[in-house]
Amino acid sequence: MSRLARDIMNPDVISVPTTMDLRDLGKLFLEKGITGAPVVDDEGNLAGVISQTDLIYYNLTRGDELIVDSSFYHSARVQGAHVPRGYQLEDTNTGCVADVMTPVVHAVREDTSVESVARMMTRKHIHRVIVQRGRKVTGIISALDVLRLQGDDDGAAPSAPRRKAAGRKVTRRRPPAVARRAARRAPPGGKRR
């Protein structure tokens, strides 16, 4: 029996509104230990997706700089004292999620096969797929969820060696030059620690 998206998705999805401030989004990512989230509109419909990569790109490409010389820095005071030389007050006007999110969403229905989800992730080079019912988000599948399923299906730990059909163990051979260097470094008696 083939597994479906609903079988491996995480139903506890942290979605963010299009109007959320980017500073709050960064804090949310850190607090929850996540690297991306679906974006929903005012009615809770899927509107896009946003990731840490989107935030980094936004911050690196803003090009903010003080263009007009201002007397503000000469007159600014912190707790009654002048601001020391070398300090700069940063612009607190940041964007919102709608300004930075990716509106193209890779989403599947709950009854999509896991094989199709894995194929989509591989072909599109994506790390997460949103699961939805209609336009509402019902779950999220990460690449780790798919890998975890593969480890469970094998009946062995993911790091265990795979076996070919003939029963031979599949091992990774070292290139000849690497094998020769390793042999030269081996202690007397040929055994390595």
C-alpha atoms as a PDB file:
ATOM      1  CA  MET A   1       0.000   0.000   0.000  1.00  0.00           C
ATOM      2  CA  SER A   2       1.366   3.379  -0.990  1.00  0.00           C
ATOM      3  CA  ARG A   3       1.646   6.094   1.623  1.00  0.00           C
ATOM      4  CA  LEU A   4      -0.047   9.427   1.101  1.00  0.00           C
ATOM      5  CA  ALA A   5       0.911  12.989   1.953  1.00  0.00           C
ATOM      6  CA  ARG A   6      -1.541  12.998   4.888  1.00  0.00           C
ATOM      7  CA  ASP A   7       0.353  10.012   6.397  1.00  0.00           C
ATOM      8  CA  ILE A   8       3.685  11.835   6.741  1.00  0.00           C
ATOM      9  CA  MET A   9       2.759  15.528   6.858  1.00  0.00           C
ATOM     10  CA  ASN A  10       3.161  17.603   9.988  1.00  0.00           C
ATOM     11  CA  PRO A  11      -0.353  18.905  10.734  1.00  0.00           C
ATOM     12  CA  ASP A  12       0.940  21.467  13.252  1.00  0.00           C
ATOM     13  CA  VAL A  13       1.855  24.052  10.655  1.00  0.00           C
ATOM     14  CA  ILE A  14       3.027  27.489  11.686  1.00  0.00           C
ATOM     15  CA  SER A  15       1.549  29.820   9.070  1.00  0.00           C
ATOM     16  CA  VAL A  16       2.239  33.535   8.941  1.00  0.00           C
ATOM     17  CA  PRO A  17       0.008  36.355   7.697  1.00  0.00           C
ATOM     18  CA  THR A  18       0.971  38.475   4.704  1.00  0.00           C
ATOM     19  CA  THR A  19       0.950  41.555   6.961  1.00  0.00           C
ATOM     20  CA  MET A  20       3.494  40.264   9.514  1.00  0.00           C
ATOM     21  CA  ASP A  21       6.527  42.496  10.104  1.00  0.00           C
ATOM     22  CA  LEU A  22       9.796  40.900   8.939  1.00  0.00           C
ATOM     23  CA  ARG A  23      11.477  41.475  12.321  1.00  0.00           C
ATOM     24  CA  ASP A  24       8.667  39.508  13.985  1.00  0.00           C
ATOM     25  CA  LEU A  25       9.033  36.793  11.349  1.00  0.00           C
ATOM     26  CA  GLY A  26      12.759  36.457  12.077  1.00  0.00           C
ATOM     27  CA  LYS A  27      12.017  36.156  15.800  1.00  0.00           C
ATOM     28  CA  LEU A  28       9.350  33.528  15.095  1.00  0.00           C
ATOM     29  CA  PHE A  29      11.779  31.458  12.990  1.00  0.00           C
ATOM     30  CA  LEU A  30      14.318  31.534  15.834  1.00  0.00           C
ATOM     31  CA  GLU A  31      11.805  30.811  18.613  1.00  0.00           C
ATOM     32  CA  LYS A  32      10.164  27.894  16.792  1.00  0.00           C
ATOM     33  CA  GLY A  33      13.362  26.527  15.222  1.00  0.00           C
ATOM     34  CA  ILE A  34      11.923  26.597  11.700  1.00  0.00           C
ATOM     35  CA  THR A  35      13.422  27.774   8.421  1.00  0.00           C
ATOM     36  CA  GLY A  36      10.275  28.579   6.470  1.00  0.00           C
ATOM     37  CA  ALA A  37       6.512  28.889   6.664  1.00  0.00           C
ATOM     38  CA  PRO A  38       3.431  29.077   4.482  1.00  0.00           C
ATOM     39  CA  VAL A  39       1.950  32.546   4.095  1.00  0.00           C
ATOM     40  CA  VAL A  40      -1.815  32.999   4.369  1.00  0.00           C
ATOM     41  CA  ASP A  41      -4.076  35.914   3.496  1.00  0.00           C
ATOM     42  CA  ASP A  42      -6.753  37.476   5.699  1.00  0.00           C
ATOM     43  CA  GLU A  43      -9.166  34.610   4.959  1.00  0.00           C
ATOM     44  CA  GLY A  44      -6.601  31.904   5.768  1.00  0.00           C
ATOM     45  CA  ASN A  45      -6.026  30.954   2.128  1.00  0.00           C
ATOM     46  CA  LEU A  46      -2.554  29.986   0.974  1.00  0.00           C
ATOM     47  CA  ALA A  47      -0.870  33.056  -0.565  1.00  0.00           C
ATOM     48  CA  GLY A  48       2.797  32.087  -0.728  1.00  0.00           C
ATOM     49  CA  VAL A  49       5.754  30.772   1.213  1.00  0.00           C
ATOM     50  CA  ILE A  50       8.638  32.503   2.975  1.00  0.00           C
ATOM     51  CA  SER A  51      11.994  31.160   4.118  1.00  0.00           C
ATOM     52  CA  GLN A  52      15.162  32.272   5.856  1.00  0.00           C
ATOM     53  CA  THR A  53      16.754  32.532   2.422  1.00  0.00           C
ATOM     54  CA  ASP A  54      14.117  35.089   1.408  1.00  0.00           C
ATOM     55  CA  LEU A  55      14.880  37.144   4.534  1.00  0.00           C
ATOM     56  CA  ILE A  56      18.625  37.061   3.932  1.00  0.00           C
ATOM     57  CA  TYR A  57      18.227  38.039   0.285  1.00  0.00           C
ATOM     58  CA  TYR A  58      15.926  40.922   1.252  1.00  0.00           C
ATOM     59  CA  ASN A  59      18.390  42.245   3.826  1.00  0.00           C
ATOM     60  CA  LEU A  60      21.371  41.956   1.471  1.00  0.00           C
ATOM     61  CA  THR A  61      19.657  43.670  -1.439  1.00  0.00           C
ATOM     62  CA  ARG A  62      17.909  46.556   0.321  1.00  0.00           C
ATOM     63  CA  GLY A  63      20.782  48.941  -0.360  1.00  0.00           C
ATOM     64  CA  ASP A  64      19.920  51.199   2.560  1.00  0.00           C
ATOM     65  CA  GLU A  65      22.379  53.976   3.175  1.00  0.00           C
ATOM     66  CA  LEU A  66      22.330  57.471   4.567  1.00  0.00           C
ATOM     67  CA  ILE A  67      22.392  59.685   1.490  1.00  0.00           C
ATOM     68  CA  VAL A  68      21.492  63.087   2.887  1.00  0.00           C
ATOM     69  CA  ASP A  69      23.761  64.583   5.513  1.00  0.00           C
ATOM     70  CA  SER A  70      21.656  65.275   8.554  1.00  0.00           C
ATOM     71  CA  SER A  71      22.121  67.165  11.769  1.00  0.00           C
ATOM     72  CA  PHE A  72      20.109  64.452  13.486  1.00  0.00           C
ATOM     73  CA  TYR A  73      23.210  62.600  14.709  1.00  0.00           C
ATOM     74  CA  HIS A  74      24.589  65.831  16.202  1.00  0.00           C
ATOM     75  CA  SER A  75      21.389  66.561  18.118  1.00  0.00           C
ATOM     76  CA  ALA A  76      20.315  63.018  19.089  1.00  0.00           C
ATOM     77  CA  ARG A  77      20.425  62.161  22.777  1.00  0.00           C
ATOM     78  CA  VAL A  78      20.158  58.852  24.617  1.00  0.00           C
ATOM     79  CA  GLN A  79      19.112  59.198  28.251  1.00  0.00           C
ATOM     80  CA  GLY A  80      19.970  62.896  28.115  1.00  0.00           C
ATOM     81  CA  ALA A  81      23.514  62.467  26.760  1.00  0.00           C
ATOM     82  CA  HIS A  82      24.761  62.983  23.207  1.00  0.00           C
ATOM     83  CA  VAL A  83      25.168  59.835  21.114  1.00  0.00           C
ATOM     84  CA  PRO A  84      28.901  58.969  21.093  1.00  0.00           C
ATOM     85  CA  ARG A  85      30.817  59.201  17.815  1.00  0.00           C
ATOM     86  CA  GLY A  86      30.764  56.021  15.762  1.00  0.00           C
ATOM     87  CA  TYR A  87      27.225  55.017  16.702  1.00  0.00           C
ATOM     88  CA  GLN A  88      24.542  54.898  14.080  1.00  0.00           C
ATOM     89  CA  LEU A  89      20.819  54.641  14.641  1.00  0.00           C
ATOM     90  CA  GLU A  90      19.318  52.135  12.236  1.00  0.00           C
ATOM     91  CA  ASP A  91      16.131  52.519  10.259  1.00  0.00           C
ATOM     92  CA  THR A  92      13.394  50.555  11.969  1.00  0.00           C
ATOM     93  CA  ASN A  93      11.138  50.713   8.956  1.00  0.00           C
ATOM     94  CA  THR A  94      11.236  47.175   7.584  1.00  0.00           C
ATOM     95  CA  GLY A  95       9.021  45.404   5.146  1.00  0.00           C
ATOM     96  CA  CYS A  96       6.262  42.913   5.701  1.00  0.00           C
ATOM     97  CA  VAL A  97       5.962  39.292   4.641  1.00  0.00           C
ATOM     98  CA  ALA A  98       3.972  40.150   1.486  1.00  0.00           C
ATOM     99  CA  ASP A  99       6.941  42.213   0.223  1.00  0.00           C
ATOM    100  CA  VAL A 100       9.396  39.332   0.476  1.00  0.00           C
ATOM    101  CA  MET A 101       7.455  36.060   0.182  1.00  0.00           C
ATOM    102  CA  THR A 102       7.598  33.787  -2.832  1.00  0.00           C
ATOM    103  CA  PRO A 103       4.107  33.718  -4.361  1.00  0.00           C
ATOM    104  CA  VAL A 104       4.836  30.466  -6.197  1.00  0.00           C
ATOM    105  CA  VAL A 105       3.844  27.645  -3.860  1.00  0.00           C
ATOM    106  CA  HIS A 106       4.647  23.995  -4.367  1.00  0.00           C
ATOM    107  CA  ALA A 107       1.626  22.355  -2.817  1.00  0.00           C
ATOM    108  CA  VAL A 108      -0.078  18.986  -2.962  1.00  0.00           C
ATOM    109  CA  ARG A 109      -3.413  17.587  -1.858  1.00  0.00           C
ATOM    110  CA  GLU A 110      -3.660  15.305   1.163  1.00  0.00           C
ATOM    111  CA  ASP A 111      -4.244  12.267  -1.073  1.00  0.00           C
ATOM    112  CA  THR A 112      -1.060  12.753  -3.147  1.00  0.00           C
ATOM    113  CA  SER A 113       1.344   9.794  -2.993  1.00  0.00           C
ATOM    114  CA  VAL A 114       4.602  10.231  -1.115  1.00  0.00           C
ATOM    115  CA  GLU A 115       6.432   9.113  -4.264  1.00  0.00           C
ATOM    116  CA  SER A 116       4.936  12.081  -6.129  1.00  0.00           C
ATOM    117  CA  VAL A 117       5.934  14.428  -3.300  1.00  0.00           C
ATOM    118  CA  ALA A 118       9.530  13.125  -3.366  1.00  0.00           C
ATOM    119  CA  ARG A 119       9.649  13.434  -7.165  1.00  0.00           C
ATOM    120  CA  MET A 120       8.419  17.051  -6.943  1.00  0.00           C
ATOM    121  CA  MET A 121      11.021  17.922  -4.307  1.00  0.00           C
ATOM    122  CA  THR A 122      13.805  16.403  -6.386  1.00  0.00           C
ATOM    123  CA  ARG A 123      12.801  17.945  -9.704  1.00  0.00           C
ATOM    124  CA  LYS A 124      12.101  21.415  -8.328  1.00  0.00           C
ATOM    125  CA  HIS A 125      14.998  21.430  -5.820  1.00  0.00           C
ATOM    126  CA  ILE A 126      12.764  22.344  -2.879  1.00  0.00           C
ATOM    127  CA  HIS A 127      12.949  21.447   0.813  1.00  0.00           C
ATOM    128  CA  ARG A 128       9.304  21.667   1.799  1.00  0.00           C
ATOM    129  CA  VAL A 129       5.921  21.046   0.240  1.00  0.00           C
ATOM    130  CA  ILE A 130       2.692  22.522   1.568  1.00  0.00           C
ATOM    131  CA  VAL A 131      -0.268  20.151   1.953  1.00  0.00           C
ATOM    132  CA  GLN A 132      -3.651  21.723   1.405  1.00  0.00           C
ATOM    133  CA  ARG A 133      -7.365  20.984   1.239  1.00  0.00           C
ATOM    134  CA  GLY A 134      -8.866  23.442  -1.218  1.00  0.00           C
ATOM    135  CA  ARG A 135      -6.956  26.676  -0.555  1.00  0.00           C
ATOM    136  CA  LYS A 136      -6.463  25.978   3.184  1.00  0.00           C
ATOM    137  CA  VAL A 137      -3.158  24.730   4.596  1.00  0.00           C
ATOM    138  CA  THR A 138      -3.534  21.397   6.389  1.00  0.00           C
ATOM    139  CA  GLY A 139       0.090  20.324   6.725  1.00  0.00           C
ATOM    140  CA  ILE A 140       3.676  20.576   5.599  1.00  0.00           C
ATOM    141  CA  ILE A 141       6.149  17.940   4.424  1.00  0.00           C
ATOM    142  CA  SER A 142       9.877  18.574   4.673  1.00  0.00           C
ATOM    143  CA  ALA A 143      12.620  16.707   2.871  1.00  0.00           C
ATOM    144  CA  LEU A 144      13.537  15.180   6.250  1.00  0.00           C
ATOM    145  CA  ASP A 145      10.020  13.747   6.581  1.00  0.00           C
ATOM    146  CA  VAL A 146      10.476  11.923   3.261  1.00  0.00           C
ATOM    147  CA  LEU A 147      13.964  10.689   4.242  1.00  0.00           C
ATOM    148  CA  ARG A 148      12.697   9.537   7.633  1.00  0.00           C
ATOM    149  CA  LEU A 149      10.020   7.492   5.877  1.00  0.00           C
ATOM    150  CA  GLN A 150      12.656   5.853   3.677  1.00  0.00           C
ATOM    151  CA  GLY A 151      14.654   4.844   6.764  1.00  0.00           C
ATOM    152  CA  ASP A 152      11.520   3.405   8.396  1.00  0.00           C
ATOM    153  CA  ASP A 153      10.549   1.430   5.276  1.00  0.00           C
ATOM    154  CA  ASP A 154      13.926  -0.306   5.088  1.00  0.00           C
ATOM    155  CA  GLY A 155      13.472  -1.831   8.522  1.00  0.00           C
ATOM    156  CA  ALA A 156      17.008  -0.735   9.359  1.00  0.00           C
ATOM    157  CA  ALA A 157      18.684   2.367  10.611  1.00  0.00           C
ATOM    158  CA  PRO A 158      19.248   4.906   7.832  1.00  0.00           C
ATOM    159  CA  SER A 159      23.022   4.599   8.240  1.00  0.00           C
ATOM    160  CA  ALA A 160      23.011   0.789   7.810  1.00  0.00           C
ATOM    161  CA  PRO A 161      24.653  -0.466   4.597  1.00  0.00           C
ATOM    162  CA  ARG A 162      22.253  -1.258   1.745  1.00  0.00           C
ATOM    163  CA  ARG A 163      22.333  -4.718   0.175  1.00  0.00           C
ATOM    164  CA  LYS A 164      22.089  -5.637  -3.494  1.00  0.00           C
ATOM    165  CA  ALA A 165      19.646  -8.270  -4.713  1.00  0.00           C
ATOM    166  CA  ALA A 166      22.374 -10.951  -4.717  1.00  0.00           C
ATOM    167  CA  GLY A 167      22.990 -10.307  -1.011  1.00  0.00           C
ATOM    168  CA  ARG A 168      26.348  -8.589  -1.469  1.00  0.00           C
ATOM    169  CA  LYS A 169      27.044  -5.584   0.701  1.00  0.00           C
ATOM    170  CA  VAL A 170      27.343  -2.306  -1.178  1.00  0.00           C
ATOM    171  CA  THR A 171      30.399  -0.413   0.018  1.00  0.00           C
ATOM    172  CA  ARG A 172      32.021   2.753  -1.179  1.00  0.00           C
ATOM    173  CA  ARG A 173      35.479   2.150  -2.600  1.00  0.00           C
ATOM    174  CA  ARG A 174      38.228   4.646  -2.024  1.00  0.00           C
ATOM    175  CA  PRO A 175      39.981   6.002  -5.092  1.00  0.00           C
ATOM    176  CA  PRO A 176      43.414   4.311  -5.504  1.00  0.00           C
ATOM    177  CA  ALA A 177      45.413   7.434  -4.521  1.00  0.00           C
ATOM    178  CA  VAL A 178      43.395   7.869  -1.315  1.00  0.00           C
ATOM    179  CA  ALA A 179      43.809   4.171  -0.453  1.00  0.00           C
ATOM    180  CA  ARG A 180      47.618   4.393  -0.968  1.00  0.00           C
ATOM    181  CA  ARG A 181      47.903   7.480   1.290  1.00  0.00           C
ATOM    182  CA  ALA A 182      45.850   5.751   3.989  1.00  0.00           C
ATOM    183  CA  ALA A 183      48.068   2.651   3.780  1.00  0.00           C
ATOM    184  CA  ARG A 184      51.248   4.754   4.142  1.00  0.00           C
ATOM    185  CA  ARG A 185      49.881   6.402   7.280  1.00  0.00           C
ATOM    186  CA  ALA A 186      48.840   3.124   8.888  1.00  0.00           C
ATOM    187  CA  PRO A 187      50.808   2.234  12.064  1.00  0.00           C
ATOM    188  CA  PRO A 188      53.075  -0.850  12.157  1.00  0.00           C
ATOM    189  CA  GLY A 189      51.036  -4.023  12.049  1.00  0.00           C
ATOM    190  CA  GLY A 190      48.640  -2.453   9.538  1.00  0.00           C
ATOM    191  CA  LYS A 191      45.837  -1.733  12.011  1.00  0.00           C
ATOM    192  CA  ARG A 192      44.403   1.720  12.352  1.00  0.00           C
ATOM    193  CA  ARG A 193      42.771   3.002  15.495  1.00  0.00           C
END
